[in-house]
Structures are given as structure tokens and as C-alpha cells.
Amino acid sequence: MAKSYWLINLKRSEVKRFMKNEKSIDGVFEYMFIDTGKIAGGLANKPPLMTNSVCVEIDLAREIYERLLSQGWEKTEEVWA
């Protein structure tokens, strides 16, 4: 499985997973999945409920990731297996 990068919002109510599409062709067609999940009852109780998944070009995914960090989102550990 491709390496994933995780962000959590300041309210700890939502997470995002950024993961490279394994079917991407390096240097030609590179895409990343951005999955969004809602946290109910805290991460220790159960994994987030996935609410959205999109596939975007890798440069746009990097831009979104950086923008979220600048808005206060924080890096976190994997929360979906």
C-alpha cells in the first residue's frame, strides 16, 4: 500500500488522508487520493467515518495539504487501517 499522510483539524472532529494513487505513472500522470472522515466520540473509541474521497493531481494535493497546515490543521498518525 502507498504511504499516506494524515492531517487532523483543530477541533479534532475531522481527518484527511493523502495517499498516492498506486496506478499513477511516475512523472506522467501522478494523482493523489484525499479522503475525509468525521470523528465521532474520539479517535480512541472507533475510526472516523469516511465522508468523502477525491482524486486530484499531485501538485494540487500538495497545495491543499500546505493550505490546511497554514489554517491550523496538524499532522497526525494513521487512523484508518
PDB file of N, CA and C in Angstrom:
ATOM      1  N   MET A   1       0.838  -1.176   0.000  1.00  0.00           N
ATOM      2  CA  MET A   1       0.000   0.000   0.000  1.00  0.00           C
ATOM      3  C   MET A   1       0.888   1.246   0.000  1.00  0.00           C
ATOM      4  N   ALA A   2       0.430   2.272  -0.684  1.00  0.00           N
ATOM      5  CA  ALA A   2       1.184   3.522  -0.776  1.00  0.00           C
ATOM      6  C   ALA A   2       1.248   4.203   0.589  1.00  0.00           C
ATOM      7  N   LYS A   3       2.314   4.962   0.786  1.00  0.00           N
ATOM      8  CA  LYS A   3       2.459   5.732   2.024  1.00  0.00           C
ATOM      9  C   LYS A   3       1.367   6.782   2.082  1.00  0.00           C
ATOM     10  N   SER A   4       0.856   7.037   3.285  1.00  0.00           N
ATOM     11  CA  SER A   4      -0.196   8.037   3.436  1.00  0.00           C
ATOM     12  C   SER A   4       0.243   9.115   4.425  1.00  0.00           C
ATOM     13  N   TYR A   5      -0.348  10.279   4.266  1.00  0.00           N
ATOM     14  CA  TYR A   5      -0.062  11.435   5.102  1.00  0.00           C
ATOM     15  C   TYR A   5      -1.383  11.906   5.690  1.00  0.00           C
ATOM     16  N   TRP A   6      -1.393  12.170   6.994  1.00  0.00           N
ATOM     17  CA  TRP A   6      -2.626  12.442   7.721  1.00  0.00           C
ATOM     18  C   TRP A   6      -2.625  13.816   8.352  1.00  0.00           C
ATOM     19  N   LEU A   7      -3.791  14.458   8.300  1.00  0.00           N
ATOM     20  CA  LEU A   7      -3.991  15.735   8.980  1.00  0.00           C
ATOM     21  C   LEU A   7      -5.272  15.656   9.813  1.00  0.00           C
ATOM     22  N   ILE A   8      -5.288  16.389  10.928  1.00  0.00           N
ATOM     23  CA  ILE A   8      -6.473  16.485  11.779  1.00  0.00           C
ATOM     24  C   ILE A   8      -6.743  17.960  12.053  1.00  0.00           C
ATOM     25  N   ASN A   9      -8.026  18.340  12.088  1.00  0.00           N
ATOM     26  CA  ASN A   9      -8.338  19.756  12.319  1.00  0.00           C
ATOM     27  C   ASN A   9      -8.215  20.104  13.798  1.00  0.00           C
ATOM     28  N   LEU A  10      -8.224  21.398  14.099  1.00  0.00           N
ATOM     29  CA  LEU A  10      -8.036  21.859  15.478  1.00  0.00           C
ATOM     30  C   LEU A  10      -9.133  21.382  16.425  1.00  0.00           C
ATOM     31  N   LYS A  11     -10.350  21.241  15.920  1.00  0.00           N
ATOM     32  CA  LYS A  11     -11.462  20.783  16.761  1.00  0.00           C
ATOM     33  C   LYS A  11     -11.418  19.277  17.009  1.00  0.00           C
ATOM     34  N   ARG A  12     -10.499  18.592  16.299  1.00  0.00           N
ATOM     35  CA  ARG A  12     -10.358  17.137  16.383  1.00  0.00           C
ATOM     36  C   ARG A  12     -11.665  16.445  16.002  1.00  0.00           C
ATOM     37  N   SER A  13     -12.331  17.015  14.991  1.00  0.00           N
ATOM     38  CA  SER A  13     -13.600  16.469  14.534  1.00  0.00           C
ATOM     39  C   SER A  13     -13.517  15.916  13.115  1.00  0.00           C
ATOM     40  N   GLU A  14     -12.381  16.143  12.450  1.00  0.00           N
ATOM     41  CA  GLU A  14     -12.249  15.724  11.058  1.00  0.00           C
ATOM     42  C   GLU A  14     -10.794  15.383  10.757  1.00  0.00           C
ATOM     43  N   VAL A  15     -10.608  14.350   9.939  1.00  0.00           N
ATOM     44  CA  VAL A  15      -9.270  13.978   9.480  1.00  0.00           C
ATOM     45  C   VAL A  15      -9.255  13.922   7.969  1.00  0.00           C
ATOM     46  N   LYS A  16      -8.052  14.073   7.410  1.00  0.00           N
ATOM     47  CA  LYS A  16      -7.848  13.909   5.975  1.00  0.00           C
ATOM     48  C   LYS A  16      -6.641  13.009   5.761  1.00  0.00           C
ATOM     49  N   ARG A  17      -6.788  12.099   4.806  1.00  0.00           N
ATOM     50  CA  ARG A  17      -5.688  11.206   4.423  1.00  0.00           C
ATOM     51  C   ARG A  17      -5.304  11.530   2.986  1.00  0.00           C
ATOM     52  N   PHE A  18      -4.022  11.749   2.773  1.00  0.00           N
ATOM     53  CA  PHE A  18      -3.474  11.985   1.446  1.00  0.00           C
ATOM     54  C   PHE A  18      -2.661  10.752   1.076  1.00  0.00           C
ATOM     55  N   MET A  19      -3.021  10.099  -0.041  1.00  0.00           N
ATOM     56  CA  MET A  19      -2.352   8.864  -0.420  1.00  0.00           C
ATOM     57  C   MET A  19      -2.204   8.825  -1.937  1.00  0.00           C
ATOM     58  N   LYS A  20      -0.991   8.537  -2.399  1.00  0.00           N
ATOM     59  CA  LYS A  20      -0.732   8.485  -3.837  1.00  0.00           C
ATOM     60  C   LYS A  20      -1.512   7.342  -4.473  1.00  0.00           C
ATOM     61  N   ASN A  21      -2.105   7.630  -5.608  1.00  0.00           N
ATOM     62  CA  ASN A  21      -2.798   6.617  -6.389  1.00  0.00           C
ATOM     63  C   ASN A  21      -1.746   5.661  -6.930  1.00  0.00           C
ATOM     64  N   GLU A  22      -1.802   4.400  -6.539  1.00  0.00           N
ATOM     65  CA  GLU A  22      -0.788   3.423  -6.939  1.00  0.00           C
ATOM     66  C   GLU A  22      -0.790   3.165  -8.432  1.00  0.00           C
ATOM     67  N   LYS A  23      -1.863   3.544  -9.117  1.00  0.00           N
ATOM     68  CA  LYS A  23      -1.935   3.343 -10.563  1.00  0.00           C
ATOM     69  C   LYS A  23      -1.380   4.538 -11.332  1.00  0.00           C
ATOM     70  N   SER A  24      -0.873   5.537 -10.603  1.00  0.00           N
ATOM     71  CA  SER A  24      -0.251   6.699 -11.248  1.00  0.00           C
ATOM     72  C   SER A  24       1.015   6.265 -11.969  1.00  0.00           C
ATOM     73  N   ILE A  25       1.321   6.940 -13.056  1.00  0.00           N
ATOM     74  CA  ILE A  25       2.565   6.688 -13.781  1.00  0.00           C
ATOM     75  C   ILE A  25       3.523   7.807 -13.407  1.00  0.00           C
ATOM     76  N   ASP A  26       4.583   7.462 -12.674  1.00  0.00           N
ATOM     77  CA  ASP A  26       5.533   8.463 -12.178  1.00  0.00           C
ATOM     78  C   ASP A  26       6.008   9.377 -13.290  1.00  0.00           C
ATOM     79  N   GLY A  27       5.928  10.669 -13.032  1.00  0.00           N
ATOM     80  CA  GLY A  27       6.404  11.658 -13.966  1.00  0.00           C
ATOM     81  C   GLY A  27       5.445  11.977 -15.099  1.00  0.00           C
ATOM     82  N   VAL A  28       4.374  11.196 -15.243  1.00  0.00           N
ATOM     83  CA  VAL A  28       3.430  11.432 -16.328  1.00  0.00           C
ATOM     84  C   VAL A  28       2.063  11.797 -15.759  1.00  0.00           C
ATOM     85  N   PHE A  29       1.409  10.820 -15.173  1.00  0.00           N
ATOM     86  CA  PHE A  29       0.101  11.028 -14.566  1.00  0.00           C
ATOM     87  C   PHE A  29       0.209  10.683 -13.096  1.00  0.00           C
ATOM     88  N   GLU A  30       0.415  11.693 -12.264  1.00  0.00           N
ATOM     89  CA  GLU A  30       0.536  11.447 -10.835  1.00  0.00           C
ATOM     90  C   GLU A  30      -0.663  12.058 -10.122  1.00  0.00           C
ATOM     91  N   TYR A  31      -1.391  11.209  -9.404  1.00  0.00           N
ATOM     92  CA  TYR A  31      -2.587  11.630  -8.697  1.00  0.00           C
ATOM     93  C   TYR A  31      -2.534  11.180  -7.254  1.00  0.00           C
ATOM     94  N   MET A  32      -3.253  11.895  -6.406  1.00  0.00           N
ATOM     95  CA  MET A  32      -3.373  11.518  -5.002  1.00  0.00           C
ATOM     96  C   MET A  32      -4.846  11.460  -4.632  1.00  0.00           C
ATOM     97  N   PHE A  33      -5.170  10.509  -3.772  1.00  0.00           N
ATOM     98  CA  PHE A  33      -6.495  10.458  -3.176  1.00  0.00           C
ATOM     99  C   PHE A  33      -6.470  11.327  -1.930  1.00  0.00           C
ATOM    100  N   ILE A  34      -7.524  12.099  -1.729  1.00  0.00           N
ATOM    101  CA  ILE A  34      -7.707  12.840  -0.491  1.00  0.00           C
ATOM    102  C   ILE A  34      -9.017  12.333   0.104  1.00  0.00           C
ATOM    103  N   ASP A  35      -8.899  11.590   1.199  1.00  0.00           N
ATOM    104  CA  ASP A  35     -10.059  11.032   1.887  1.00  0.00           C
ATOM    105  C   ASP A  35     -10.354  11.878   3.116  1.00  0.00           C
ATOM    106  N   THR A  36     -11.625  12.128   3.370  1.00  0.00           N
ATOM    107  CA  THR A  36     -12.049  12.918   4.518  1.00  0.00           C
ATOM    108  C   THR A  36     -12.914  12.056   5.409  1.00  0.00           C
ATOM    109  N   GLY A  37     -12.705  12.185   6.728  1.00  0.00           N
ATOM    110  CA  GLY A  37     -13.507  11.425   7.679  1.00  0.00           C
ATOM    111  C   GLY A  37     -13.924  12.278   8.860  1.00  0.00           C
ATOM    112  N   LYS A  38     -15.118  12.010   9.362  1.00  0.00           N
ATOM    113  CA  LYS A  38     -15.643  12.690  10.552  1.00  0.00           C
ATOM    114  C   LYS A  38     -15.357  11.829  11.779  1.00  0.00           C
ATOM    115  N   ILE A  39     -14.916  12.482  12.845  1.00  0.00           N
ATOM    116  CA  ILE A  39     -14.610  11.790  14.089  1.00  0.00           C
ATOM    117  C   ILE A  39     -15.798  11.946  15.030  1.00  0.00           C
ATOM    118  N   ALA A  40     -16.285  10.832  15.537  1.00  0.00           N
ATOM    119  CA  ALA A  40     -17.399  10.860  16.498  1.00  0.00           C
ATOM    120  C   ALA A  40     -16.969  10.097  17.740  1.00  0.00           C
ATOM    121  N   GLY A  41     -16.922  10.762  18.873  1.00  0.00           N
ATOM    122  CA  GLY A  41     -16.587  10.084  20.122  1.00  0.00           C
ATOM    123  C   GLY A  41     -15.103   9.926  20.383  1.00  0.00           C
ATOM    124  N   GLY A  42     -14.259  10.570  19.615  1.00  0.00           N
ATOM    125  CA  GLY A  42     -12.814  10.474  19.837  1.00  0.00           C
ATOM    126  C   GLY A  42     -12.193   9.333  19.061  1.00  0.00           C
ATOM    127  N   LEU A  43     -10.942   9.512  18.659  1.00  0.00           N
ATOM    128  CA  LEU A  43     -10.249   8.510  17.848  1.00  0.00           C
ATOM    129  C   LEU A  43     -10.010   7.208  18.589  1.00  0.00           C
ATOM    130  N   ALA A  44      -9.927   7.255  19.916  1.00  0.00           N
ATOM    131  CA  ALA A  44      -9.642   6.046  20.682  1.00  0.00           C
ATOM    132  C   ALA A  44     -10.826   5.077  20.644  1.00  0.00           C
ATOM    133  N   ASN A  45     -12.034   5.597  20.485  1.00  0.00           N
ATOM    134  CA  ASN A  45     -13.225   4.750  20.520  1.00  0.00           C
ATOM    135  C   ASN A  45     -13.446   3.962  19.237  1.00  0.00           C
ATOM    136  N   LYS A  46     -13.388   4.625  18.107  1.00  0.00           N
ATOM    137  CA  LYS A  46     -13.574   3.952  16.818  1.00  0.00           C
ATOM    138  C   LYS A  46     -13.016   4.829  15.715  1.00  0.00           C
ATOM    139  N   PRO A  47     -12.691   4.232  14.565  1.00  0.00           N
ATOM    140  CA  PRO A  47     -12.128   5.017  13.467  1.00  0.00           C
ATOM    141  C   PRO A  47     -13.159   6.007  12.922  1.00  0.00           C
ATOM    142  N   PRO A  48     -12.682   7.070  12.263  1.00  0.00           N
ATOM    143  CA  PRO A  48     -13.590   8.056  11.684  1.00  0.00           C
ATOM    144  C   PRO A  48     -14.471   7.445  10.588  1.00  0.00           C
ATOM    145  N   LEU A  49     -15.595   8.056  10.362  1.00  0.00           N
ATOM    146  CA  LEU A  49     -16.493   7.664   9.287  1.00  0.00           C
ATOM    147  C   LEU A  49     -16.085   8.416   8.033  1.00  0.00           C
ATOM    148  N   MET A  50     -15.708   7.687   6.980  1.00  0.00           N
ATOM    149  CA  MET A  50     -15.291   8.333   5.749  1.00  0.00           C
ATOM    150  C   MET A  50     -16.498   9.010   5.117  1.00  0.00           C
ATOM    151  N   THR A  51     -16.343  10.298   4.800  1.00  0.00           N
ATOM    152  CA  THR A  51     -17.450  11.064   4.234  1.00  0.00           C
ATOM    153  C   THR A  51     -17.208  11.485   2.796  1.00  0.00           C
ATOM    154  N   ASN A  52     -15.944  11.481   2.360  1.00  0.00           N
ATOM    155  CA  ASN A  52     -15.644  11.980   1.023  1.00  0.00           C
ATOM    156  C   ASN A  52     -14.290  11.455   0.571  1.00  0.00           C
ATOM    157  N   SER A  53     -14.173  11.213  -0.723  1.00  0.00           N
ATOM    158  CA  SER A  53     -12.895  10.819  -1.306  1.00  0.00           C
ATOM    159  C   SER A  53     -12.809  11.436  -2.694  1.00  0.00           C
ATOM    160  N   VAL A  54     -11.687  12.112  -2.962  1.00  0.00           N
ATOM    161  CA  VAL A  54     -11.474  12.699  -4.283  1.00  0.00           C
ATOM    162  C   VAL A  54     -10.082  12.314  -4.767  1.00  0.00           C
ATOM    163  N   CYS A  55      -9.898  12.340  -6.065  1.00  0.00           N
ATOM    164  CA  CYS A  55      -8.593  12.067  -6.665  1.00  0.00           C
ATOM    165  C   CYS A  55      -8.199  13.321  -7.442  1.00  0.00           C
ATOM    166  N   VAL A  56      -7.041  13.889  -7.083  1.00  0.00           N
ATOM    167  CA  VAL A  56      -6.580  15.132  -7.718  1.00  0.00           C
ATOM    168  C   VAL A  56      -5.135  14.971  -8.157  1.00  0.00           C
ATOM    169  N   GLU A  57      -4.708  15.857  -9.055  1.00  0.00           N
ATOM    170  CA  GLU A  57      -3.309  15.842  -9.479  1.00  0.00           C
ATOM    171  C   GLU A  57      -2.420  16.099  -8.276  1.00  0.00           C
ATOM    172  N   ILE A  58      -1.253  15.511  -8.291  1.00  0.00           N
ATOM    173  CA  ILE A  58      -0.363  15.538  -7.131  1.00  0.00           C
ATOM    174  C   ILE A  58       0.025  16.968  -6.728  1.00  0.00           C
ATOM    175  N   ASP A  59       0.196  17.856  -7.686  1.00  0.00           N
ATOM    176  CA  ASP A  59       0.547  19.243  -7.348  1.00  0.00           C
ATOM    177  C   ASP A  59      -0.587  19.936  -6.604  1.00  0.00           C
ATOM    178  N   LEU A  60      -1.826  19.687  -7.016  1.00  0.00           N
ATOM    179  CA  LEU A  60      -2.969  20.266  -6.320  1.00  0.00           C
ATOM    180  C   LEU A  60      -3.092  19.671  -4.917  1.00  0.00           C
ATOM    181  N   ALA A  61      -2.834  18.378  -4.770  1.00  0.00           N
ATOM    182  CA  ALA A  61      -2.884  17.738  -3.453  1.00  0.00           C
ATOM    183  C   ALA A  61      -1.861  18.371  -2.516  1.00  0.00           C
ATOM    184  N   ARG A  62      -0.671  18.637  -3.003  1.00  0.00           N
ATOM    185  CA  ARG A  62       0.361  19.289  -2.185  1.00  0.00           C
ATOM    186  C   ARG A  62      -0.088  20.684  -1.765  1.00  0.00           C
ATOM    187  N   GLU A  63      -0.711  21.405  -2.696  1.00  0.00           N
ATOM    188  CA  GLU A  63      -1.199  22.749  -2.399  1.00  0.00           C
ATOM    189  C   GLU A  63      -2.285  22.704  -1.316  1.00  0.00           C
ATOM    190  N   ILE A  64      -3.206  21.766  -1.433  1.00  0.00           N
ATOM    191  CA  ILE A  64      -4.272  21.611  -0.438  1.00  0.00           C
ATOM    192  C   ILE A  64      -3.678  21.255   0.922  1.00  0.00           C
ATOM    193  N   TYR A  65      -2.726  20.328   0.938  1.00  0.00           N
ATOM    194  CA  TYR A  65      -2.071  19.902   2.178  1.00  0.00           C
ATOM    195  C   TYR A  65      -1.420  21.099   2.879  1.00  0.00           C
ATOM    196  N   GLU A  66      -0.659  21.879   2.131  1.00  0.00           N
ATOM    197  CA  GLU A  66       0.021  23.050   2.695  1.00  0.00           C
ATOM    198  C   GLU A  66      -0.982  24.100   3.175  1.00  0.00           C
ATOM    199  N   ARG A  67      -2.058  24.290   2.422  1.00  0.00           N
ATOM    200  CA  ARG A  67      -3.081  25.262   2.814  1.00  0.00           C
ATOM    201  C   ARG A  67      -3.743  24.846   4.122  1.00  0.00           C
ATOM    202  N   LEU A  68      -4.043  23.565   4.260  1.00  0.00           N
ATOM    203  CA  LEU A  68      -4.654  23.080   5.500  1.00  0.00           C
ATOM    204  C   LEU A  68      -3.706  23.274   6.686  1.00  0.00           C
ATOM    205  N   LEU A  69      -2.425  22.995   6.496  1.00  0.00           N
ATOM    206  CA  LEU A  69      -1.447  23.222   7.563  1.00  0.00           C
ATOM    207  C   LEU A  69      -1.422  24.694   7.968  1.00  0.00           C
ATOM    208  N   SER A  70      -1.491  25.587   6.993  1.00  0.00           N
ATOM    209  CA  SER A  70      -1.459  27.017   7.297  1.00  0.00           C
ATOM    210  C   SER A  70      -2.740  27.479   8.005  1.00  0.00           C
ATOM    211  N   GLN A  71      -3.823  26.699   7.879  1.00  0.00           N
ATOM    212  CA  GLN A  71      -5.089  27.024   8.532  1.00  0.00           C
ATOM    213  C   GLN A  71      -5.205  26.385   9.919  1.00  0.00           C
ATOM    214  N   GLY A  72      -4.140  25.721  10.358  1.00  0.00           N
ATOM    215  CA  GLY A  72      -4.140  25.166  11.699  1.00  0.00           C
ATOM    216  C   GLY A  72      -4.303  23.663  11.797  1.00  0.00           C
ATOM    217  N   TRP A  73      -4.517  22.983  10.685  1.00  0.00           N
ATOM    218  CA  TRP A  73      -4.575  21.528  10.729  1.00  0.00           C
ATOM    219  C   TRP A  73      -3.201  21.014  11.166  1.00  0.00           C
ATOM    220  N   GLU A  74      -3.166  19.844  11.807  1.00  0.00           N
ATOM    221  CA  GLU A  74      -1.916  19.281  12.302  1.00  0.00           C
ATOM    222  C   GLU A  74      -1.705  17.882  11.746  1.00  0.00           C
ATOM    223  N   LYS A  75      -0.434  17.509  11.624  1.00  0.00           N
ATOM    224  CA  LYS A  75      -0.101  16.145  11.213  1.00  0.00           C
ATOM    225  C   LYS A  75      -0.498  15.198  12.334  1.00  0.00           C
ATOM    226  N   THR A  76      -0.958  14.001  11.962  1.00  0.00           N
ATOM    227  CA  THR A  76      -1.354  13.004  12.942  1.00  0.00           C
ATOM    228  C   THR A  76      -1.002  11.615  12.427  1.00  0.00           C
ATOM    229  N   GLU A  77      -1.153  10.640  13.284  1.00  0.00           N
ATOM    230  CA  GLU A  77      -0.884   9.245  12.930  1.00  0.00           C
ATOM    231  C   GLU A  77      -2.035   8.670  12.104  1.00  0.00           C
ATOM    232  N   GLU A  78      -1.777   7.536  11.477  1.00  0.00           N
ATOM    233  CA  GLU A  78      -2.796   6.834  10.695  1.00  0.00           C
ATOM    234  C   GLU A  78      -3.990   6.483  11.574  1.00  0.00           C
ATOM    235  N   VAL A  79      -5.197   6.729  11.065  1.00  0.00           N
ATOM    236  CA  VAL A  79      -6.394   6.414  11.838  1.00  0.00           C
ATOM    237  C   VAL A  79      -7.314   5.427  11.135  1.00  0.00           C
ATOM    238  N   TRP A  80      -7.090   5.137   9.846  1.00  0.00           N
ATOM    239  CA  TRP A  80      -7.773   4.062   9.137  1.00  0.00           C
ATOM    240  C   TRP A  80      -6.721   3.031   8.790  1.00  0.00           C
ATOM    241  N   ALA A  81      -7.060   1.778   8.920  1.00  0.00           N
ATOM    242  CA  ALA A  81      -6.109   0.724   8.550  1.00  0.00           C
ATOM    243  C   ALA A  81      -6.161   0.506   7.051  1.00  0.00           C
TER     244      ALA A  81
END
